[in-house]
Amino acid sequence: MTSNPKTTERGNSKEYLQRRLKAAAPELLDEIGEGKRFRSVRAAAIEAGIVPQVKTIRISEKTTGRDLAQKLKQELSPEILAELAAELTQERRV
């Protein structure tokens, strides 16, 4: 069975990330697995800078603007917060 080149040239599959790690940070490959430094190939790829770390901010219908502001202050840089504030205070374009 051959793999589809379109799915193996890029993406986030385990196989793709292993190939990227082998090229960029081969020393991390031995540190992946149960009881080792990284629980997954993805975690090692994040450490190597291959995959960006994504943060999730959970909100619900009960989340207030104040609650959301506190969460954003904990997670975002002052520069991004300033940009966000400027965007939020602009008039809405219809």
Protein backbone atom coordinates (compact mmCIF):
# COMPACT_ATOMS: atom_id res chain seq x y z
CA MET A 1 0.00 0.00 0.00
CA THR A 2 1.35 3.43 -0.92
CA SER A 3 0.54 6.62 0.87
CA ASN A 4 -1.04 9.61 -0.72
CA PRO A 5 1.73 12.21 -1.24
CA LYS A 6 -0.68 15.05 -0.54
CA THR A 7 -1.33 13.75 2.98
CA THR A 8 2.31 13.07 3.84
CA GLU A 9 3.98 16.27 2.57
CA ARG A 10 2.50 18.40 5.33
CA GLY A 11 -0.05 18.27 8.06
CA ASN A 12 -0.27 17.06 11.63
CA SER A 13 -0.26 13.29 11.33
CA LYS A 14 2.03 11.32 13.62
CA GLU A 15 4.07 10.10 10.63
CA TYR A 16 4.53 13.58 9.22
CA LEU A 17 5.58 15.02 12.57
CA GLN A 18 8.04 12.15 13.11
CA ARG A 19 9.68 12.94 9.76
CA ARG A 20 9.89 16.62 10.67
CA LEU A 21 11.39 15.77 14.06
CA LYS A 22 13.90 13.45 12.46
CA ALA A 23 15.07 16.33 10.27
CA ALA A 24 14.86 19.18 12.81
CA ALA A 25 15.48 17.60 16.22
CA PRO A 26 16.35 13.89 15.96
CA GLU A 27 17.47 13.79 19.60
CA LEU A 28 13.84 14.25 20.69
CA LEU A 29 12.65 11.07 18.98
CA ASP A 30 14.13 8.88 21.74
CA GLU A 31 12.31 10.94 24.36
CA ILE A 32 8.78 10.09 23.15
CA GLY A 33 6.64 7.46 24.86
CA GLU A 34 5.14 6.34 28.12
CA GLY A 35 7.28 7.38 31.07
CA LYS A 36 9.53 9.55 28.91
CA ARG A 37 9.86 13.31 28.57
CA PHE A 38 7.13 13.59 25.89
CA ARG A 39 3.89 11.64 25.95
CA SER A 40 3.33 12.13 22.21
CA VAL A 41 5.01 13.02 18.94
CA ARG A 42 2.95 16.21 18.91
CA ALA A 43 4.31 17.27 22.32
CA ALA A 44 7.88 16.79 21.05
CA ALA A 45 7.04 18.70 17.87
CA ILE A 46 5.74 21.61 19.97
CA GLU A 47 8.98 21.61 21.97
CA ALA A 48 10.98 21.61 18.72
CA GLY A 49 8.98 24.54 17.36
CA ILE A 50 7.51 22.52 14.51
CA VAL A 51 3.95 22.81 15.78
CA PRO A 52 2.74 26.00 17.45
CA GLN A 53 1.34 25.63 20.93
CA VAL A 54 -2.34 26.53 20.87
CA LYS A 55 -4.07 27.90 23.93
CA THR A 56 -7.76 27.43 24.58
CA ILE A 57 -9.80 29.88 26.59
CA ARG A 58 -13.04 28.31 27.76
CA ILE A 59 -16.13 30.46 28.04
CA SER A 60 -19.79 29.74 28.60
CA GLU A 61 -23.04 31.67 28.50
CA LYS A 62 -22.36 32.61 32.13
CA THR A 63 -18.93 34.11 31.40
CA THR A 64 -18.96 37.85 32.00
CA GLY A 65 -16.92 40.43 30.15
CA ARG A 66 -14.86 40.89 33.30
CA ASP A 67 -14.19 37.13 33.53
CA LEU A 68 -13.14 37.02 29.89
CA ALA A 69 -10.88 40.04 30.32
CA GLN A 70 -9.12 38.34 33.26
CA LYS A 71 -8.60 35.17 31.23
CA LEU A 72 -7.23 37.12 28.28
CA LYS A 73 -4.87 39.11 30.53
CA GLN A 74 -3.44 35.84 31.83
CA GLU A 75 -2.81 34.44 28.35
CA LEU A 76 -1.99 37.33 26.01
CA SER A 77 0.89 39.76 25.76
CA PRO A 78 0.34 43.46 26.51
CA GLU A 79 0.84 44.22 22.81
CA ILE A 80 -1.87 41.81 21.70
CA LEU A 81 -4.19 43.06 24.45
CA ALA A 82 -3.71 46.66 23.27
CA GLU A 83 -4.45 45.66 19.68
CA LEU A 84 -7.54 43.76 20.80
CA ALA A 85 -8.77 46.73 22.84
CA ALA A 86 -8.36 49.03 19.82
CA GLU A 87 -10.28 46.61 17.61
CA LEU A 88 -13.08 46.22 20.14
CA THR A 89 -13.56 49.97 20.54
CA GLN A 90 -13.84 50.66 16.80
CA GLU A 91 -17.33 51.21 15.49
CA ARG A 92 -18.94 48.18 14.01
CA ARG A 93 -19.09 48.19 10.24
CA VAL A 94 -22.26 46.77 8.77
